[in-house]
Amino acid sequence: MKNMNDFLEISKEELIYSGIRINVKKRKYIYENSEFEKEIVEFGKSAAVLPINDDRIVLIEQFRYPINKWIIEIPAGRVEKGEDPRNAALRELKEETGYTARNIEEVASFFVSPGYSDELMYLYIAEDLKKSEQSLEKGELIRLKELSIKEVKEMLKKREITDGKTLLALYYYLYYYFDKFGI
């Protein structure tokens, strides 16, 4: 079987929108004997972190403007140009929760929604936390939630957590740390 990249080519690319955090491009592709267009959101890399404070899971409740509601999430944000994803995760942890971490481990990386975006997210688990002050960006509305594993499991059962990165992080944590907590 041929590698698709061997005969899929971009025939034209046009910048439709250039914003603060994203670019939107229209690309024309040629594949075998057909030509078609796709709109691509360029975001780049992001980092997310699941903070564990002793036996409590630190989550945030954040107002998300595109859906006009508060949702439960883990701290996350863009990896700035030239920044290491691990450092971005630590920075977002501090900004959004006010915690710093002595231990942080990368557990996964994944494309958030490759059907329309190039965003690649790095997922970390942070432990051995120390409390300091939040430093939220203008317009960032965040409330801190520290929950027991039992409370988080109940929220998962009730489908109260709907953010994809948060679901992935929590299920990963609960699955791989099963023996540690006897869940």
N, C-alpha and C. Protein backbone atom coordinates (compact mmCIF):
# COMPACT_ATOMS: atom_id res chain seq x y z
N MET A 1 0.84 -1.19 0.00
CA MET A 1 0.00 0.00 0.00
C MET A 1 0.88 1.25 0.00
N LYS A 2 0.52 2.20 -0.83
CA LYS A 2 1.27 3.45 -0.90
C LYS A 2 1.03 4.29 0.35
N ASN A 3 2.05 5.05 0.73
CA ASN A 3 1.90 6.04 1.79
C ASN A 3 1.10 7.20 1.23
N MET A 4 -0.01 7.59 1.92
CA MET A 4 -0.88 8.65 1.42
C MET A 4 -0.10 9.94 1.16
N ASN A 5 0.89 10.24 1.99
CA ASN A 5 1.66 11.47 1.82
C ASN A 5 2.45 11.47 0.52
N ASP A 6 2.69 10.28 -0.06
CA ASP A 6 3.42 10.19 -1.32
C ASP A 6 2.62 10.78 -2.47
N PHE A 7 1.30 10.80 -2.39
CA PHE A 7 0.51 11.31 -3.51
C PHE A 7 -0.61 12.26 -3.09
N LEU A 8 -0.54 12.80 -1.88
CA LEU A 8 -1.44 13.85 -1.42
C LEU A 8 -0.62 15.13 -1.38
N GLU A 9 -1.05 16.13 -2.10
CA GLU A 9 -0.26 17.37 -2.10
C GLU A 9 -1.15 18.58 -1.83
N ILE A 10 -0.55 19.59 -1.24
CA ILE A 10 -1.22 20.86 -1.04
C ILE A 10 -0.93 21.70 -2.28
N SER A 11 -1.98 22.05 -3.02
CA SER A 11 -1.79 22.82 -4.25
C SER A 11 -1.85 24.32 -4.00
N LYS A 12 -2.54 24.73 -2.93
CA LYS A 12 -2.67 26.15 -2.63
C LYS A 12 -2.99 26.30 -1.15
N GLU A 13 -2.47 27.36 -0.54
CA GLU A 13 -2.78 27.66 0.85
C GLU A 13 -3.01 29.15 0.98
N GLU A 14 -4.11 29.52 1.66
CA GLU A 14 -4.47 30.93 1.81
C GLU A 14 -4.78 31.22 3.27
N LEU A 15 -4.17 32.26 3.80
CA LEU A 15 -4.45 32.70 5.17
C LEU A 15 -5.77 33.46 5.15
N ILE A 16 -6.76 32.95 5.88
CA ILE A 16 -8.08 33.58 5.94
C ILE A 16 -8.17 34.55 7.11
N TYR A 17 -7.55 34.16 8.24
CA TYR A 17 -7.64 34.97 9.45
C TYR A 17 -6.37 34.76 10.27
N SER A 18 -5.84 35.85 10.79
CA SER A 18 -4.69 35.79 11.69
C SER A 18 -5.08 36.51 12.98
N GLY A 19 -5.11 35.76 14.08
CA GLY A 19 -5.53 36.32 15.36
C GLY A 19 -4.43 36.27 16.39
N ILE A 20 -4.80 36.57 17.62
CA ILE A 20 -3.85 36.57 18.73
C ILE A 20 -3.38 35.15 19.03
N ARG A 21 -4.31 34.19 19.03
CA ARG A 21 -3.97 32.82 19.40
C ARG A 21 -4.07 31.81 18.26
N ILE A 22 -4.80 32.14 17.22
CA ILE A 22 -5.00 31.18 16.13
C ILE A 22 -4.83 31.84 14.77
N ASN A 23 -4.54 31.01 13.79
CA ASN A 23 -4.63 31.38 12.38
C ASN A 23 -5.60 30.41 11.73
N VAL A 24 -6.33 30.87 10.75
CA VAL A 24 -7.21 29.99 9.98
C VAL A 24 -6.73 30.05 8.53
N LYS A 25 -6.49 28.87 7.98
CA LYS A 25 -6.03 28.78 6.60
C LYS A 25 -6.99 27.92 5.79
N LYS A 26 -7.07 28.24 4.51
CA LYS A 26 -7.81 27.39 3.58
C LYS A 26 -6.76 26.71 2.70
N ARG A 27 -6.82 25.40 2.65
CA ARG A 27 -5.87 24.64 1.85
C ARG A 27 -6.60 23.88 0.75
N LYS A 28 -6.01 23.89 -0.43
CA LYS A 28 -6.50 23.07 -1.53
C LYS A 28 -5.57 21.86 -1.62
N TYR A 29 -6.17 20.70 -1.64
CA TYR A 29 -5.44 19.45 -1.73
C TYR A 29 -5.72 18.78 -3.07
N ILE A 30 -4.73 18.07 -3.55
CA ILE A 30 -4.92 17.19 -4.71
C ILE A 30 -4.62 15.78 -4.23
N TYR A 31 -5.60 14.91 -4.43
CA TYR A 31 -5.45 13.51 -4.04
C TYR A 31 -5.91 12.66 -5.21
N GLU A 32 -5.01 11.87 -5.74
CA GLU A 32 -5.25 11.11 -6.96
C GLU A 32 -5.75 12.07 -8.03
N ASN A 33 -6.95 11.94 -8.51
CA ASN A 33 -7.43 12.82 -9.58
C ASN A 33 -8.46 13.83 -9.10
N SER A 34 -8.54 14.07 -7.79
CA SER A 34 -9.53 15.03 -7.31
C SER A 34 -8.86 16.14 -6.51
N GLU A 35 -9.55 17.28 -6.49
CA GLU A 35 -9.07 18.44 -5.75
C GLU A 35 -10.17 18.87 -4.78
N PHE A 36 -9.79 19.23 -3.56
CA PHE A 36 -10.77 19.64 -2.55
C PHE A 36 -10.12 20.62 -1.58
N GLU A 37 -10.98 21.35 -0.83
CA GLU A 37 -10.50 22.35 0.12
C GLU A 37 -10.80 21.94 1.55
N LYS A 38 -9.94 22.35 2.45
CA LYS A 38 -10.13 22.15 3.89
C LYS A 38 -9.74 23.44 4.61
N GLU A 39 -10.49 23.76 5.65
CA GLU A 39 -10.13 24.89 6.51
C GLU A 39 -9.39 24.33 7.72
N ILE A 40 -8.27 24.94 8.03
CA ILE A 40 -7.38 24.46 9.09
C ILE A 40 -7.20 25.55 10.13
N VAL A 41 -7.41 25.20 11.40
CA VAL A 41 -7.11 26.13 12.49
C VAL A 41 -5.71 25.80 13.00
N GLU A 42 -4.81 26.77 12.89
CA GLU A 42 -3.46 26.60 13.40
C GLU A 42 -3.40 27.15 14.82
N PHE A 43 -3.09 26.29 15.75
CA PHE A 43 -2.98 26.69 17.15
C PHE A 43 -1.59 26.40 17.68
N GLY A 44 -1.03 25.25 17.31
CA GLY A 44 0.28 24.85 17.81
C GLY A 44 0.16 23.92 19.00
N LYS A 45 1.05 24.09 19.96
CA LYS A 45 1.11 23.19 21.11
C LYS A 45 0.42 23.80 22.33
N SER A 46 -0.08 22.90 23.18
CA SER A 46 -0.65 23.31 24.46
C SER A 46 -0.22 22.29 25.52
N ALA A 47 -0.41 22.66 26.76
CA ALA A 47 -0.04 21.79 27.87
C ALA A 47 -1.16 21.82 28.91
N ALA A 48 -1.44 20.67 29.49
CA ALA A 48 -2.45 20.55 30.53
C ALA A 48 -1.87 19.74 31.68
N VAL A 49 -2.37 20.01 32.88
CA VAL A 49 -1.79 19.35 34.05
C VAL A 49 -2.89 18.98 35.04
N LEU A 50 -2.83 17.74 35.51
CA LEU A 50 -3.72 17.26 36.57
C LEU A 50 -2.96 17.37 37.89
N PRO A 51 -3.33 18.34 38.75
CA PRO A 51 -2.64 18.51 40.03
C PRO A 51 -3.24 17.60 41.10
N ILE A 52 -2.37 16.91 41.82
CA ILE A 52 -2.78 16.04 42.91
C ILE A 52 -2.16 16.60 44.19
N ASN A 53 -3.03 16.99 45.12
CA ASN A 53 -2.58 17.58 46.39
C ASN A 53 -2.87 16.57 47.50
N ASP A 54 -1.86 15.79 47.84
CA ASP A 54 -2.00 14.68 48.78
C ASP A 54 -3.05 13.72 48.23
N ASP A 55 -4.20 13.59 48.87
CA ASP A 55 -5.23 12.68 48.37
C ASP A 55 -6.38 13.43 47.71
N ARG A 56 -6.15 14.68 47.34
CA ARG A 56 -7.19 15.51 46.71
C ARG A 56 -6.78 15.84 45.27
N ILE A 57 -7.78 15.91 44.41
CA ILE A 57 -7.56 16.28 43.01
C ILE A 57 -7.95 17.75 42.88
N VAL A 58 -7.03 18.54 42.32
CA VAL A 58 -7.26 19.96 42.16
C VAL A 58 -7.79 20.19 40.74
N LEU A 59 -9.01 20.69 40.68
CA LEU A 59 -9.63 21.03 39.40
C LEU A 59 -9.99 22.51 39.42
N ILE A 60 -10.33 23.01 38.26
CA ILE A 60 -10.79 24.39 38.19
C ILE A 60 -12.18 24.39 37.55
N GLU A 61 -12.96 25.37 37.93
CA GLU A 61 -14.23 25.63 37.26
C GLU A 61 -14.01 26.93 36.50
N GLN A 62 -14.06 26.85 35.18
CA GLN A 62 -13.71 27.98 34.35
C GLN A 62 -14.87 28.36 33.44
N PHE A 63 -15.09 29.66 33.30
CA PHE A 63 -16.11 30.12 32.37
C PHE A 63 -15.51 30.09 30.98
N ARG A 64 -16.22 29.39 30.07
CA ARG A 64 -15.76 29.27 28.69
C ARG A 64 -16.70 30.03 27.78
N TYR A 65 -16.17 31.07 27.18
CA TYR A 65 -16.97 31.99 26.37
C TYR A 65 -17.61 31.33 25.14
N PRO A 66 -16.91 30.44 24.40
CA PRO A 66 -17.55 29.84 23.22
C PRO A 66 -18.83 29.06 23.53
N ILE A 67 -18.90 28.47 24.72
CA ILE A 67 -20.10 27.71 25.09
C ILE A 67 -20.96 28.45 26.11
N ASN A 68 -20.50 29.61 26.55
CA ASN A 68 -21.22 30.49 27.47
C ASN A 68 -21.65 29.80 28.77
N LYS A 69 -20.69 29.04 29.34
CA LYS A 69 -21.00 28.38 30.61
C LYS A 69 -19.73 28.02 31.37
N TRP A 70 -19.92 27.71 32.65
CA TRP A 70 -18.84 27.25 33.52
C TRP A 70 -18.68 25.75 33.33
N ILE A 71 -17.43 25.28 33.21
CA ILE A 71 -17.18 23.84 33.15
C ILE A 71 -15.99 23.49 34.03
N ILE A 72 -15.97 22.23 34.42
CA ILE A 72 -14.88 21.70 35.25
C ILE A 72 -13.75 21.26 34.32
N GLU A 73 -12.54 21.69 34.66
CA GLU A 73 -11.37 21.40 33.84
C GLU A 73 -10.14 21.18 34.70
N ILE A 74 -9.07 20.78 34.02
CA ILE A 74 -7.74 20.83 34.61
C ILE A 74 -7.06 22.08 34.05
N PRO A 75 -6.08 22.63 34.74
CA PRO A 75 -5.36 23.79 34.21
C PRO A 75 -4.68 23.45 32.88
N ALA A 76 -4.76 24.39 31.95
CA ALA A 76 -4.17 24.16 30.62
C ALA A 76 -3.97 25.48 29.92
N GLY A 77 -3.11 25.46 28.92
CA GLY A 77 -2.91 26.65 28.11
C GLY A 77 -1.90 26.42 27.02
N ARG A 78 -1.70 27.44 26.27
CA ARG A 78 -0.81 27.40 25.11
C ARG A 78 0.65 27.29 25.53
N VAL A 79 1.41 26.55 24.74
CA VAL A 79 2.87 26.53 24.88
C VAL A 79 3.37 27.68 24.01
N GLU A 80 3.98 28.65 24.64
CA GLU A 80 4.46 29.83 23.90
C GLU A 80 5.67 29.46 23.03
N LYS A 81 5.90 30.26 22.02
CA LYS A 81 7.00 30.00 21.08
C LYS A 81 8.32 29.88 21.84
N GLY A 82 9.02 28.77 21.63
CA GLY A 82 10.30 28.53 22.27
C GLY A 82 10.19 27.96 23.68
N GLU A 83 8.98 27.81 24.20
CA GLU A 83 8.77 27.31 25.55
C GLU A 83 8.68 25.78 25.55
N ASP A 84 9.23 25.16 26.55
CA ASP A 84 9.13 23.72 26.73
C ASP A 84 7.73 23.39 27.27
N PRO A 85 7.04 22.35 26.74
CA PRO A 85 5.70 22.02 27.22
C PRO A 85 5.64 21.78 28.74
N ARG A 86 6.66 21.18 29.31
CA ARG A 86 6.69 20.96 30.77
C ARG A 86 6.65 22.29 31.52
N ASN A 87 7.45 23.25 31.06
CA ASN A 87 7.46 24.57 31.70
C ASN A 87 6.12 25.28 31.51
N ALA A 88 5.49 25.07 30.35
CA ALA A 88 4.17 25.67 30.12
C ALA A 88 3.16 25.08 31.09
N ALA A 89 3.22 23.77 31.33
CA ALA A 89 2.31 23.12 32.27
C ALA A 89 2.50 23.67 33.68
N LEU A 90 3.75 23.84 34.09
CA LEU A 90 4.03 24.40 35.41
C LEU A 90 3.55 25.85 35.51
N ARG A 91 3.72 26.61 34.44
CA ARG A 91 3.27 28.00 34.42
C ARG A 91 1.75 28.09 34.52
N GLU A 92 1.05 27.26 33.74
CA GLU A 92 -0.42 27.25 33.79
C GLU A 92 -0.92 26.80 35.16
N LEU A 93 -0.27 25.82 35.75
CA LEU A 93 -0.63 25.36 37.09
C LEU A 93 -0.57 26.52 38.07
N LYS A 94 0.52 27.26 38.03
CA LYS A 94 0.70 28.40 38.94
C LYS A 94 -0.31 29.51 38.66
N GLU A 95 -0.47 29.87 37.38
CA GLU A 95 -1.38 30.97 37.03
C GLU A 95 -2.82 30.65 37.42
N GLU A 96 -3.28 29.43 37.09
CA GLU A 96 -4.70 29.12 37.23
C GLU A 96 -5.10 28.59 38.61
N THR A 97 -4.16 27.98 39.34
CA THR A 97 -4.51 27.42 40.65
C THR A 97 -3.77 28.08 41.81
N GLY A 98 -2.64 28.70 41.51
CA GLY A 98 -1.82 29.24 42.58
C GLY A 98 -0.88 28.19 43.18
N TYR A 99 -0.86 26.99 42.61
CA TYR A 99 0.04 25.94 43.11
C TYR A 99 1.30 25.86 42.27
N THR A 100 2.38 25.48 42.93
CA THR A 100 3.60 25.06 42.24
C THR A 100 3.77 23.58 42.56
N ALA A 101 4.55 22.89 41.74
CA ALA A 101 4.73 21.45 41.92
C ALA A 101 6.20 21.09 41.95
N ARG A 102 6.56 20.22 42.87
CA ARG A 102 7.93 19.72 42.92
C ARG A 102 8.11 18.54 41.97
N ASN A 103 7.03 17.78 41.75
CA ASN A 103 7.09 16.61 40.86
C ASN A 103 6.06 16.77 39.74
N ILE A 104 6.52 16.60 38.51
CA ILE A 104 5.61 16.65 37.37
C ILE A 104 6.07 15.60 36.36
N GLU A 105 5.11 14.86 35.83
CA GLU A 105 5.43 13.77 34.91
C GLU A 105 4.53 13.85 33.68
N GLU A 106 5.15 13.78 32.51
CA GLU A 106 4.37 13.74 31.27
C GLU A 106 3.78 12.34 31.12
N VAL A 107 2.47 12.27 30.87
CA VAL A 107 1.81 10.96 30.75
C VAL A 107 1.24 10.70 29.36
N ALA A 108 1.07 11.74 28.55
CA ALA A 108 0.52 11.54 27.20
C ALA A 108 0.69 12.81 26.39
N SER A 109 0.60 12.65 25.09
CA SER A 109 0.43 13.79 24.18
C SER A 109 -0.56 13.33 23.13
N PHE A 110 -1.39 14.27 22.66
CA PHE A 110 -2.45 13.90 21.73
C PHE A 110 -2.92 15.11 20.95
N PHE A 111 -3.49 14.86 19.78
CA PHE A 111 -4.10 15.92 18.99
C PHE A 111 -5.50 16.15 19.53
N VAL A 112 -5.83 17.39 19.83
CA VAL A 112 -7.09 17.74 20.47
C VAL A 112 -8.28 17.47 19.55
N SER A 113 -8.21 17.94 18.33
CA SER A 113 -9.28 17.73 17.36
C SER A 113 -8.71 17.85 15.95
N PRO A 114 -8.03 16.79 15.47
CA PRO A 114 -7.30 16.88 14.20
C PRO A 114 -8.17 16.99 12.96
N GLY A 115 -9.48 16.95 13.13
CA GLY A 115 -10.37 17.15 11.99
C GLY A 115 -10.36 18.58 11.49
N TYR A 116 -9.98 19.54 12.36
CA TYR A 116 -9.95 20.94 11.93
C TYR A 116 -8.78 21.73 12.52
N SER A 117 -8.03 21.16 13.48
CA SER A 117 -6.98 21.91 14.16
C SER A 117 -5.70 21.10 14.26
N ASP A 118 -4.57 21.81 14.29
CA ASP A 118 -3.27 21.15 14.46
C ASP A 118 -2.83 21.10 15.92
N GLU A 119 -3.69 21.49 16.87
CA GLU A 119 -3.29 21.58 18.27
C GLU A 119 -2.82 20.23 18.83
N LEU A 120 -1.60 20.23 19.34
CA LEU A 120 -1.01 19.07 19.99
C LEU A 120 -0.88 19.39 21.47
N MET A 121 -1.54 18.60 22.32
CA MET A 121 -1.54 18.86 23.76
C MET A 121 -0.67 17.83 24.48
N TYR A 122 0.11 18.34 25.43
CA TYR A 122 0.93 17.51 26.31
C TYR A 122 0.24 17.45 27.66
N LEU A 123 0.08 16.25 28.20
CA LEU A 123 -0.64 16.05 29.45
C LEU A 123 0.31 15.61 30.55
N TYR A 124 0.22 16.27 31.70
CA TYR A 124 1.09 16.01 32.84
C TYR A 124 0.27 15.73 34.09
N ILE A 125 0.90 15.02 35.02
CA ILE A 125 0.37 14.88 36.37
C ILE A 125 1.38 15.53 37.30
N ALA A 126 0.89 16.42 38.16
CA ALA A 126 1.76 17.15 39.09
C ALA A 126 1.43 16.74 40.52
N GLU A 127 2.46 16.48 41.30
CA GLU A 127 2.29 16.12 42.71
C GLU A 127 3.27 16.91 43.56
N ASP A 128 3.15 16.75 44.88
CA ASP A 128 3.98 17.46 45.84
C ASP A 128 3.81 18.97 45.62
N LEU A 129 2.58 19.42 45.82
CA LEU A 129 2.20 20.80 45.53
C LEU A 129 2.45 21.72 46.71
N LYS A 130 2.70 22.98 46.37
CA LYS A 130 2.85 24.02 47.38
C LYS A 130 1.99 25.20 46.94
N LYS A 131 1.18 25.73 47.88
CA LYS A 131 0.23 26.81 47.57
C LYS A 131 0.92 28.16 47.56
N SER A 132 0.56 28.95 46.54
CA SER A 132 0.97 30.36 46.49
C SER A 132 -0.23 31.14 45.94
N GLU A 133 -0.02 32.13 45.11
CA GLU A 133 -1.11 32.98 44.61
C GLU A 133 -1.41 32.71 43.14
N GLN A 134 -2.71 32.73 42.78
CA GLN A 134 -3.11 32.68 41.39
C GLN A 134 -2.68 33.96 40.69
N SER A 135 -2.47 33.88 39.39
CA SER A 135 -2.21 35.09 38.59
C SER A 135 -2.94 34.93 37.26
N LEU A 136 -4.24 35.17 37.31
CA LEU A 136 -5.10 34.97 36.15
C LEU A 136 -4.91 36.05 35.11
N GLU A 137 -5.09 35.65 33.84
CA GLU A 137 -5.07 36.61 32.74
C GLU A 137 -6.36 37.42 32.76
N LYS A 138 -6.33 38.59 32.16
CA LYS A 138 -7.53 39.42 32.06
C LYS A 138 -8.61 38.63 31.30
N GLY A 139 -9.81 38.59 31.88
CA GLY A 139 -10.92 37.87 31.26
C GLY A 139 -10.98 36.39 31.61
N GLU A 140 -9.98 35.89 32.32
CA GLU A 140 -9.96 34.49 32.73
C GLU A 140 -10.74 34.37 34.04
N LEU A 141 -11.85 33.67 34.00
CA LEU A 141 -12.70 33.50 35.17
C LEU A 141 -12.56 32.07 35.66
N ILE A 142 -11.94 31.90 36.83
CA ILE A 142 -11.61 30.57 37.35
C ILE A 142 -11.90 30.50 38.83
N ARG A 143 -12.55 29.39 39.23
CA ARG A 143 -12.76 29.07 40.65
C ARG A 143 -12.08 27.73 40.92
N LEU A 144 -11.37 27.66 42.02
CA LEU A 144 -10.64 26.45 42.40
C LEU A 144 -11.55 25.44 43.08
N LYS A 145 -11.34 24.14 42.75
CA LYS A 145 -12.10 23.06 43.37
C LYS A 145 -11.11 21.96 43.75
N GLU A 146 -11.06 21.63 45.03
CA GLU A 146 -10.22 20.53 45.48
C GLU A 146 -11.16 19.43 45.96
N LEU A 147 -11.08 18.28 45.29
CA LEU A 147 -12.06 17.21 45.51
C LEU A 147 -11.38 15.90 45.86
N SER A 148 -12.10 15.10 46.63
CA SER A 148 -11.62 13.75 46.92
C SER A 148 -11.79 12.88 45.68
N ILE A 149 -11.11 11.78 45.66
CA ILE A 149 -11.26 10.84 44.55
C ILE A 149 -12.69 10.34 44.48
N LYS A 150 -13.31 10.11 45.61
CA LYS A 150 -14.71 9.67 45.63
C LYS A 150 -15.61 10.73 44.99
N GLU A 151 -15.40 12.00 45.31
CA GLU A 151 -16.21 13.07 44.72
C GLU A 151 -16.01 13.15 43.21
N VAL A 152 -14.76 13.00 42.76
CA VAL A 152 -14.47 13.05 41.33
C VAL A 152 -15.13 11.87 40.62
N LYS A 153 -15.04 10.69 41.21
CA LYS A 153 -15.68 9.52 40.60
C LYS A 153 -17.19 9.72 40.48
N GLU A 154 -17.79 10.33 41.48
CA GLU A 154 -19.23 10.60 41.44
C GLU A 154 -19.56 11.60 40.33
N MET A 155 -18.73 12.62 40.19
CA MET A 155 -18.93 13.59 39.10
C MET A 155 -18.81 12.92 37.73
N LEU A 156 -17.86 12.00 37.62
CA LEU A 156 -17.71 11.26 36.35
C LEU A 156 -18.95 10.41 36.07
N LYS A 157 -19.44 9.73 37.09
CA LYS A 157 -20.65 8.91 36.93
C LYS A 157 -21.84 9.74 36.49
N LYS A 158 -21.96 10.94 37.05
CA LYS A 158 -23.09 11.82 36.74
C LYS A 158 -22.86 12.63 35.45
N ARG A 159 -21.73 12.42 34.81
CA ARG A 159 -21.36 13.12 33.58
C ARG A 159 -21.32 14.64 33.77
N GLU A 160 -20.84 15.06 34.92
CA GLU A 160 -20.72 16.48 35.23
C GLU A 160 -19.43 17.08 34.68
N ILE A 161 -18.51 16.23 34.27
CA ILE A 161 -17.26 16.69 33.66
C ILE A 161 -17.35 16.39 32.17
N THR A 162 -17.29 17.44 31.36
CA THR A 162 -17.50 17.28 29.92
C THR A 162 -16.31 17.72 29.08
N ASP A 163 -15.27 18.20 29.70
CA ASP A 163 -14.08 18.65 28.98
C ASP A 163 -13.20 17.45 28.64
N GLY A 164 -12.85 17.30 27.36
CA GLY A 164 -12.10 16.14 26.90
C GLY A 164 -10.76 15.91 27.56
N LYS A 165 -9.95 16.95 27.67
CA LYS A 165 -8.62 16.78 28.27
C LYS A 165 -8.73 16.37 29.74
N THR A 166 -9.75 16.89 30.41
CA THR A 166 -9.97 16.59 31.82
C THR A 166 -10.44 15.15 31.98
N LEU A 167 -11.34 14.72 31.13
CA LEU A 167 -11.79 13.32 31.17
C LEU A 167 -10.60 12.38 30.94
N LEU A 168 -9.80 12.67 29.93
CA LEU A 168 -8.64 11.83 29.64
C LEU A 168 -7.69 11.78 30.84
N ALA A 169 -7.39 12.93 31.41
CA ALA A 169 -6.47 12.99 32.55
C ALA A 169 -7.00 12.22 33.75
N LEU A 170 -8.28 12.40 34.06
CA LEU A 170 -8.87 11.72 35.22
C LEU A 170 -8.94 10.21 35.02
N TYR A 171 -9.40 9.79 33.85
CA TYR A 171 -9.48 8.35 33.60
C TYR A 171 -8.09 7.72 33.58
N TYR A 172 -7.12 8.42 33.02
CA TYR A 172 -5.74 7.93 33.04
C TYR A 172 -5.27 7.77 34.48
N TYR A 173 -5.47 8.81 35.26
CA TYR A 173 -5.01 8.79 36.65
C TYR A 173 -5.69 7.68 37.44
N LEU A 174 -7.00 7.58 37.33
CA LEU A 174 -7.73 6.56 38.07
C LEU A 174 -7.35 5.16 37.62
N TYR A 175 -7.09 4.96 36.35
CA TYR A 175 -6.72 3.64 35.84
C TYR A 175 -5.31 3.25 36.27
N TYR A 176 -4.35 4.13 36.09
CA TYR A 176 -2.96 3.79 36.39
C TYR A 176 -2.60 3.86 37.86
N TYR A 177 -3.41 4.52 38.65
CA TYR A 177 -3.15 4.61 40.08
C TYR A 177 -4.15 3.78 40.88
N PHE A 178 -4.80 2.85 40.21
CA PHE A 178 -5.83 2.00 40.81
C PHE A 178 -5.34 1.35 42.10
N ASP A 179 -4.20 0.70 42.06
CA ASP A 179 -3.69 0.01 43.25
C ASP A 179 -3.33 0.97 44.37
N LYS A 180 -2.85 2.15 44.01
CA LYS A 180 -2.44 3.12 45.02
C LYS A 180 -3.61 3.52 45.93
N PHE A 181 -4.82 3.64 45.34
CA PHE A 181 -5.97 4.07 46.10
C PHE A 181 -6.98 2.97 46.38
N GLY A 182 -6.75 1.77 45.83
CA GLY A 182 -7.68 0.67 46.07
C GLY A 182 -9.06 0.95 45.51
N ILE A 183 -9.10 1.62 44.37
CA ILE A 183 -10.41 2.00 43.78
C ILE A 183 -10.94 0.84 42.97
